[in-house]
Protein backbone atom coordinates (compact mmCIF):
# COMPACT_ATOMS: atom_id res chain seq x y z
CA UNK A 1 -46.77 -5.73 -89.74
CA UNK A 2 -47.31 -6.15 -86.00
CA UNK A 3 -48.83 -2.68 -85.77
CA UNK A 4 -51.18 -3.47 -88.64
CA UNK A 5 -52.35 -6.66 -86.92
CA UNK A 6 -52.94 -4.81 -83.64
CA UNK A 7 -55.02 -2.22 -85.47
CA UNK A 8 -57.10 -4.96 -87.04
CA UNK A 9 -57.65 -6.69 -83.70
CA UNK A 10 -58.82 -3.40 -82.20
CA UNK A 11 -61.14 -2.93 -85.19
CA UNK A 12 -62.69 -6.37 -84.65
CA UNK A 13 -63.26 -5.71 -80.93
CA UNK A 14 -64.88 -2.31 -81.51
CA UNK A 15 -67.14 -3.62 -84.27
CA UNK A 16 -68.15 -6.67 -82.21
CA UNK A 17 -69.14 -4.35 -79.36
CA UNK A 18 -71.28 -2.17 -81.64
CA UNK A 19 -72.89 -5.17 -83.35
CA UNK A 20 -73.68 -6.81 -80.02
CA UNK A 21 -75.15 -3.59 -78.65
CA UNK A 22 -77.48 -3.01 -81.59
CA UNK A 23 -78.46 -6.68 -81.90
CA UNK A 24 -79.18 -7.12 -78.19
CA UNK A 25 -81.55 -4.16 -77.94
CA UNK A 26 -83.21 -4.89 -81.31
CA UNK A 27 -83.98 -8.48 -80.32
CA UNK A 28 -85.32 -7.60 -76.89
CA UNK A 29 -87.46 -4.74 -78.23
CA UNK A 30 -89.25 -7.08 -80.66
CA UNK A 31 -92.88 -7.95 -79.75
CA UNK A 32 -93.49 -11.03 -77.59
CA UNK A 33 -90.81 -13.09 -75.92
CA UNK A 34 -89.97 -16.61 -74.82
CA UNK A 35 -91.97 -16.05 -71.65
CA UNK A 36 -95.11 -14.66 -73.31
CA UNK A 37 -98.02 -16.25 -71.49
CA UNK A 38 -99.75 -17.41 -74.67
CA UNK A 39 -96.56 -18.82 -76.13
CA UNK A 40 -95.13 -20.66 -73.13
CA UNK A 41 -98.24 -22.02 -71.43
CA UNK A 42 -101.79 -20.64 -71.72
CA UNK A 43 -102.50 -21.69 -68.12
CA UNK A 44 -99.50 -20.02 -66.51
CA UNK A 45 -100.26 -17.61 -63.70
CA UNK A 46 -98.83 -14.07 -63.51
CA UNK A 47 -96.96 -15.06 -60.33
CA UNK A 48 -95.23 -17.99 -62.04
CA UNK A 49 -94.44 -15.82 -65.07
CA UNK A 50 -92.84 -13.20 -62.85
CA UNK A 51 -90.83 -15.90 -61.08
CA UNK A 52 -89.49 -17.18 -64.42
CA UNK A 53 -88.53 -13.63 -65.42
CA UNK A 54 -86.55 -13.30 -62.21
CA UNK A 55 -84.79 -16.62 -62.87
CA UNK A 56 -83.75 -15.61 -66.39
CA UNK A 57 -83.01 -12.02 -65.39
CA UNK A 58 -85.64 -10.59 -67.74
CA UNK A 59 -87.15 -8.46 -64.98
CA UNK A 60 -84.12 -6.16 -64.93
CA UNK A 61 -83.68 -3.08 -67.16
CA UNK A 62 -82.34 -3.78 -70.65
CA UNK A 63 -79.09 -1.91 -70.10
CA UNK A 64 -78.39 -3.99 -67.00
CA UNK A 65 -79.19 -7.21 -68.87
CA UNK A 66 -76.84 -6.16 -71.66
CA UNK A 67 -73.93 -5.36 -69.34
CA UNK A 68 -74.40 -8.68 -67.58
CA UNK A 69 -74.48 -10.52 -70.91
CA UNK A 70 -71.47 -8.57 -72.23
CA UNK A 71 -69.38 -9.41 -69.17
CA UNK A 72 -70.27 -13.10 -69.56
CA UNK A 73 -69.46 -12.98 -73.30
CA UNK A 74 -66.00 -11.56 -72.57
CA UNK A 75 -65.43 -14.77 -70.60
CA UNK A 76 -66.74 -16.85 -73.55
CA UNK A 77 -70.01 -17.57 -71.78
CA UNK A 78 -73.16 -16.89 -73.84
CA UNK A 79 -75.52 -17.86 -71.05
CA UNK A 80 -78.11 -20.62 -70.72
CA UNK A 81 -80.58 -21.54 -73.44
CA UNK A 82 -84.17 -20.76 -72.47
CA UNK A 83 -85.49 -23.71 -74.50
CA UNK A 84 -83.09 -26.50 -73.52
CA UNK A 85 -81.54 -25.27 -70.26
CA UNK A 86 -78.07 -26.13 -71.60
CA UNK A 87 -75.09 -23.84 -71.97
CA UNK A 88 -75.27 -21.86 -75.21
CA UNK A 89 -71.51 -22.20 -75.61
CA UNK A 90 -71.81 -25.98 -75.44
CA UNK A 91 -74.68 -25.95 -77.95
CA UNK A 92 -72.64 -23.85 -80.40
CA UNK A 93 -69.44 -25.86 -79.98
CA UNK A 94 -71.37 -29.07 -80.55
CA UNK A 95 -72.95 -27.90 -83.81
CA UNK A 96 -70.35 -25.52 -85.21
CA UNK A 97 -68.00 -28.25 -86.58
CA UNK A 98 -70.86 -29.73 -88.63
CA UNK A 99 -71.72 -26.42 -90.27
CA UNK A 100 -68.09 -25.45 -90.81
CA UNK A 101 -67.27 -28.85 -92.29
CA UNK A 102 -70.13 -28.77 -94.80
CA UNK A 103 -69.66 -25.18 -95.89
CA UNK A 104 -65.85 -25.07 -96.00
CA UNK A 105 -65.83 -28.27 -98.07
CA UNK A 106 -68.46 -26.79 -100.37
CA UNK A 107 -66.53 -23.51 -100.62
CA UNK A 108 -63.30 -25.28 -101.62
CA UNK A 109 -65.07 -27.39 -104.26
CA UNK A 110 -66.92 -24.35 -105.61
CA UNK A 111 -63.75 -22.27 -105.75
CA UNK A 112 -61.67 -24.89 -107.55
CA UNK A 113 -64.44 -25.78 -110.01
CA UNK A 114 -65.34 -22.16 -110.75
CA UNK A 115 -61.68 -21.15 -111.07
CA UNK A 116 -60.91 -23.85 -113.62
CA UNK A 117 -64.09 -23.50 -115.69
CA UNK A 118 -64.12 -19.69 -115.48
CA UNK A 119 -60.59 -19.45 -116.87
CA UNK A 120 -61.32 -22.09 -119.54
CA UNK A 121 -64.47 -20.23 -120.61
CA UNK A 122 -62.53 -16.99 -120.96
CA UNK A 123 -59.68 -18.59 -122.91
CA UNK A 124 -62.21 -20.20 -125.27
CA UNK A 125 -64.64 -17.30 -125.48
CA UNK A 126 -67.80 -17.98 -127.54
CA UNK A 127 -66.88 -21.66 -127.94
CA UNK A 128 -69.31 -24.47 -127.08
CA UNK A 129 -67.60 -24.83 -123.68
CA UNK A 130 -68.06 -21.12 -122.92
CA UNK A 131 -71.73 -21.25 -123.89
CA UNK A 132 -72.29 -24.41 -121.84
CA UNK A 133 -70.69 -22.87 -118.73
CA UNK A 134 -72.74 -19.69 -119.10
CA UNK A 135 -75.97 -21.68 -119.40
CA UNK A 136 -75.00 -23.71 -116.35
CA UNK A 137 -74.26 -20.47 -114.48
CA UNK A 138 -77.64 -19.03 -115.53
CA UNK A 139 -79.36 -22.11 -114.17
CA UNK A 140 -77.39 -21.71 -110.95
CA UNK A 141 -78.55 -18.06 -110.69
CA UNK A 142 -82.21 -18.85 -111.22
CA UNK A 143 -82.54 -22.05 -109.15
CA UNK A 144 -83.45 -21.39 -105.49
CA UNK A 145 -81.40 -23.61 -103.21
CA UNK A 146 -84.41 -24.82 -101.20
CA UNK A 147 -86.24 -25.80 -104.40
CA UNK A 148 -83.21 -27.69 -105.73
CA UNK A 149 -82.84 -29.47 -102.39
CA UNK A 150 -86.48 -30.57 -102.45
CA UNK A 151 -86.16 -31.80 -106.06
CA UNK A 152 -83.07 -33.84 -105.22
CA UNK A 153 -84.75 -35.37 -102.17
CA UNK A 154 -87.87 -36.21 -104.20
CA UNK A 155 -86.12 -37.88 -107.14
CA UNK A 156 -82.82 -39.20 -105.77
CA UNK A 157 -83.89 -40.06 -102.23
CA UNK A 158 -87.61 -40.87 -102.32
CA UNK A 159 -88.10 -42.34 -105.80
CA UNK A 160 -84.69 -43.77 -106.72
CA UNK A 161 -83.52 -44.27 -103.08
CA UNK A 162 -79.92 -43.54 -104.01
CA UNK A 163 -79.22 -41.13 -101.15
CA UNK A 164 -80.56 -40.70 -97.60
CA UNK A 165 -83.37 -38.20 -97.13
CA UNK A 166 -82.06 -36.38 -94.07
CA UNK A 167 -79.70 -36.43 -91.13
CA UNK A 168 -76.02 -37.31 -90.96
CA UNK A 169 -76.15 -40.96 -89.93
CA UNK A 170 -78.14 -44.06 -90.80
CA UNK A 171 -80.54 -45.62 -88.34
CA UNK A 172 -78.26 -48.63 -88.00
CA UNK A 173 -75.15 -47.59 -86.01
CA UNK A 174 -71.84 -48.02 -87.82
CA UNK A 175 -68.26 -47.92 -86.61
CA UNK A 176 -64.85 -47.09 -88.01
CA UNK A 177 -64.49 -46.47 -91.72
CA UNK A 178 -68.09 -47.48 -92.35
CA UNK A 179 -69.31 -44.65 -90.11
CA UNK A 180 -67.13 -42.16 -91.97
CA UNK A 181 -68.33 -43.36 -95.38
CA UNK A 182 -71.92 -43.25 -94.13
CA UNK A 183 -71.40 -39.63 -93.06
CA UNK A 184 -69.97 -38.72 -96.48
CA UNK A 185 -72.91 -40.42 -98.20
CA UNK A 186 -75.35 -38.30 -96.18
CA UNK A 187 -73.45 -35.12 -97.13
CA UNK A 188 -73.49 -35.63 -100.91
CA UNK A 189 -76.81 -33.87 -101.55
CA UNK A 190 -76.30 -30.94 -99.12
CA UNK A 191 -72.83 -30.23 -100.49
CA UNK A 192 -74.07 -30.50 -104.08
CA UNK A 193 -76.81 -27.95 -103.38
CA UNK A 194 -74.31 -25.47 -101.90
CA UNK A 195 -71.81 -25.98 -104.75
CA UNK A 196 -74.46 -25.66 -107.43
CA UNK A 197 -75.86 -22.49 -105.88
CA UNK A 198 -72.48 -20.75 -105.59
CA UNK A 199 -70.92 -21.90 -108.83
CA UNK A 200 -72.79 -19.52 -111.15
CA UNK A 201 -71.80 -16.25 -109.55
CA UNK A 202 -68.21 -17.27 -108.87
CA UNK A 203 -67.49 -18.77 -112.31
CA UNK A 204 -68.87 -15.78 -114.18
CA UNK A 205 -66.93 -13.41 -111.95
CA UNK A 206 -63.71 -15.28 -112.70
CA UNK A 207 -64.57 -15.40 -116.42
CA UNK A 208 -65.13 -11.63 -116.48
CA UNK A 209 -61.85 -10.93 -114.64
CA UNK A 210 -59.93 -13.27 -116.95
CA UNK A 211 -61.35 -11.61 -120.05
CA UNK A 212 -60.17 -8.23 -118.76
CA UNK A 213 -56.71 -9.66 -118.09
CA UNK A 214 -56.54 -11.16 -121.60
CA UNK A 215 -57.13 -7.70 -123.09
CA UNK A 216 -54.12 -6.20 -121.28
CA UNK A 217 -50.86 -5.28 -123.01
CA UNK A 218 -48.67 -7.69 -121.03
CA UNK A 219 -50.78 -10.62 -122.26
CA UNK A 220 -50.30 -9.36 -125.82
CA UNK A 221 -46.54 -9.20 -125.32
CA UNK A 222 -46.50 -12.65 -123.66
CA UNK A 223 -48.34 -14.19 -126.60
CA UNK A 224 -45.99 -12.41 -129.00
CA UNK A 225 -43.15 -14.25 -127.24
CA UNK A 226 -44.94 -17.55 -127.83
CA UNK A 227 -46.29 -18.07 -124.29
CA UNK A 228 -49.61 -19.91 -124.39
CA UNK A 229 -51.58 -22.56 -122.54
CA UNK A 230 -50.63 -23.49 -118.99
CA UNK A 231 -47.67 -21.11 -118.86
CA UNK A 232 -49.91 -18.18 -119.73
CA UNK A 233 -52.37 -19.16 -117.00
CA UNK A 234 -49.71 -19.90 -114.40
CA UNK A 235 -47.45 -16.86 -114.83
CA UNK A 236 -49.82 -14.16 -116.08
CA UNK A 237 -53.49 -14.91 -115.36
CA UNK A 238 -53.45 -16.52 -111.90
CA UNK A 239 -51.15 -13.90 -110.28
CA UNK A 240 -53.47 -11.12 -111.45
CA UNK A 241 -56.54 -13.00 -110.25
CA UNK A 242 -55.23 -13.28 -106.67
CA UNK A 243 -56.28 -9.85 -105.27
CA UNK A 244 -59.96 -9.93 -106.36
CA UNK A 245 -60.30 -13.61 -105.46
CA UNK A 246 -58.91 -13.03 -101.98
CA UNK A 247 -61.43 -10.24 -101.47
CA UNK A 248 -64.35 -12.41 -102.62
CA UNK A 249 -63.30 -15.36 -100.45
CA UNK A 250 -63.00 -13.07 -97.43
CA UNK A 251 -66.55 -11.84 -97.98
CA UNK A 252 -67.80 -15.42 -98.36
CA UNK A 253 -67.14 -16.38 -94.73
CA UNK A 254 -70.42 -14.90 -93.36
CA UNK A 255 -72.38 -17.22 -95.62
CA UNK A 256 -70.95 -20.24 -93.81
CA UNK A 257 -73.61 -19.87 -91.11
CA UNK A 258 -76.16 -17.56 -92.70
CA UNK A 259 -76.61 -19.76 -95.75
CA UNK A 260 -77.06 -22.90 -93.66
CA UNK A 261 -80.40 -22.01 -92.10
CA UNK A 262 -82.60 -23.22 -94.97
CA UNK A 263 -80.32 -26.05 -96.07
CA UNK A 264 -79.95 -27.61 -92.61
CA UNK A 265 -83.68 -27.25 -91.97
CA UNK A 266 -84.56 -29.13 -95.17
CA UNK A 267 -82.01 -31.92 -94.68
CA UNK A 268 -82.50 -32.05 -90.87
CA UNK A 269 -78.80 -31.51 -90.24
CA UNK A 270 -78.15 -30.69 -86.61
CA UNK A 271 -75.87 -27.71 -87.26
CA UNK A 272 -75.71 -24.01 -86.54
CA UNK A 273 -78.27 -23.08 -89.19
CA UNK A 274 -80.93 -25.36 -87.75
CA UNK A 275 -80.06 -24.20 -84.23
CA UNK A 276 -80.54 -20.56 -85.24
CA UNK A 277 -83.88 -21.34 -86.91
CA UNK A 278 -85.17 -23.16 -83.84
CA UNK A 279 -83.94 -20.40 -81.53
CA UNK A 280 -85.65 -17.73 -83.62
CA UNK A 281 -88.97 -19.59 -83.48
CA UNK A 282 -88.66 -20.05 -79.71
CA UNK A 283 -87.36 -16.49 -79.15
CA UNK A 284 -84.40 -18.01 -77.34
CA UNK A 285 -82.41 -14.77 -76.82
CA UNK A 286 -79.12 -16.24 -75.54
CA UNK A 287 -78.82 -18.67 -78.46
CA UNK A 288 -79.74 -16.02 -81.03
CA UNK A 289 -77.17 -13.59 -79.63
CA UNK A 290 -74.48 -16.27 -79.47
CA UNK A 291 -74.94 -17.21 -83.13
CA UNK A 292 -75.12 -13.57 -84.22
CA UNK A 293 -71.82 -12.82 -82.49
CA UNK A 294 -70.16 -15.88 -84.07
CA UNK A 295 -71.44 -14.82 -87.50
CA UNK A 296 -70.28 -11.23 -86.99
CA UNK A 297 -66.88 -12.44 -85.85
CA UNK A 298 -66.50 -14.61 -88.97
CA UNK A 299 -67.50 -11.65 -91.15
CA UNK A 300 -64.96 -9.34 -89.55
CA UNK A 301 -62.30 -12.05 -89.50
CA UNK A 302 -62.82 -12.70 -93.20
CA UNK A 303 -62.44 -9.02 -94.05
CA UNK A 304 -59.32 -8.67 -91.90
CA UNK A 305 -57.68 -11.79 -93.36
CA UNK A 306 -58.42 -10.54 -96.88
CA UNK A 307 -56.93 -7.12 -96.06
CA UNK A 308 -53.78 -8.66 -94.57
CA UNK A 309 -53.28 -10.99 -97.54
CA UNK A 310 -53.72 -8.10 -99.96
CA UNK A 311 -51.27 -6.05 -97.93
CA UNK A 312 -48.81 -8.95 -98.03
CA UNK A 313 -49.17 -9.26 -101.81
CA UNK A 314 -48.69 -5.54 -102.40
CA UNK A 315 -47.79 -3.40 -99.36
CA UNK A 316 -47.71 -0.24 -101.46
CA UNK A 317 -51.10 -0.57 -103.10
CA UNK A 318 -52.98 -1.82 -100.00
CA UNK A 319 -52.95 0.00 -96.71
CA UNK A 320 -55.10 -1.89 -94.13
């Protein structure tokens, strides 16, 4: 097992290097930059522009800039933000818990809800419950998350004034348990949008897997022995759902940051998604690279964790 883990760590390091190399050169080869004269200040002189390039190190060759950035990244230093002048590492660490909290909570709720309803829909195939869940899933497929978010803000926040429109805190400062409840109240709509958007795909995937399991011979023999209901789900369906579900959950980690860009922009949540959007508009290279590396690391980490769990479940069928 130790050798397998070491191989996976080496895999993550190699892939991070390749991803950083391609991303760094692709971003810097794009037209315009943070220091474009028309973008930064139309009255800036060529001398001042050259001085700024020297300060930020943009006057050096790209390969030299990359090696300097790579050496700093090895020491967990992503540089200084062009737009704010703050450390990129500090910016990410400040906003990462917000994004992780929202998306991990949404992922857990989506998983539990889809798991229960997907299995119930398969056990009661073609019943009213199955048809209702499929229609709900179809609505989830077809409803863009940004459109749903705007509808919820319009009706529940603006017209009915049941929920706050944006942000994570009320204008009036609160303390203790009131501050925590206020935070939860602000997160109801964002979490609902994420759960609603992910429920359709996940529930139908679980329903399809469960239907395949129900057609197997061991389910037929179990039912012949009188095993039904919760015992059938607990001892026969759930164990066979573990491998595909672990794989899907591992592949869901990249969406923690990538899927937050639009959501955090609409709800004005000061997280990683909004930070990435602002950095992309400002062509803030250090921030963009820092977020890309974090996202790539989560993607690779999710795949590795899924592989190790599958290997743990069945060492003979899985060879990571």
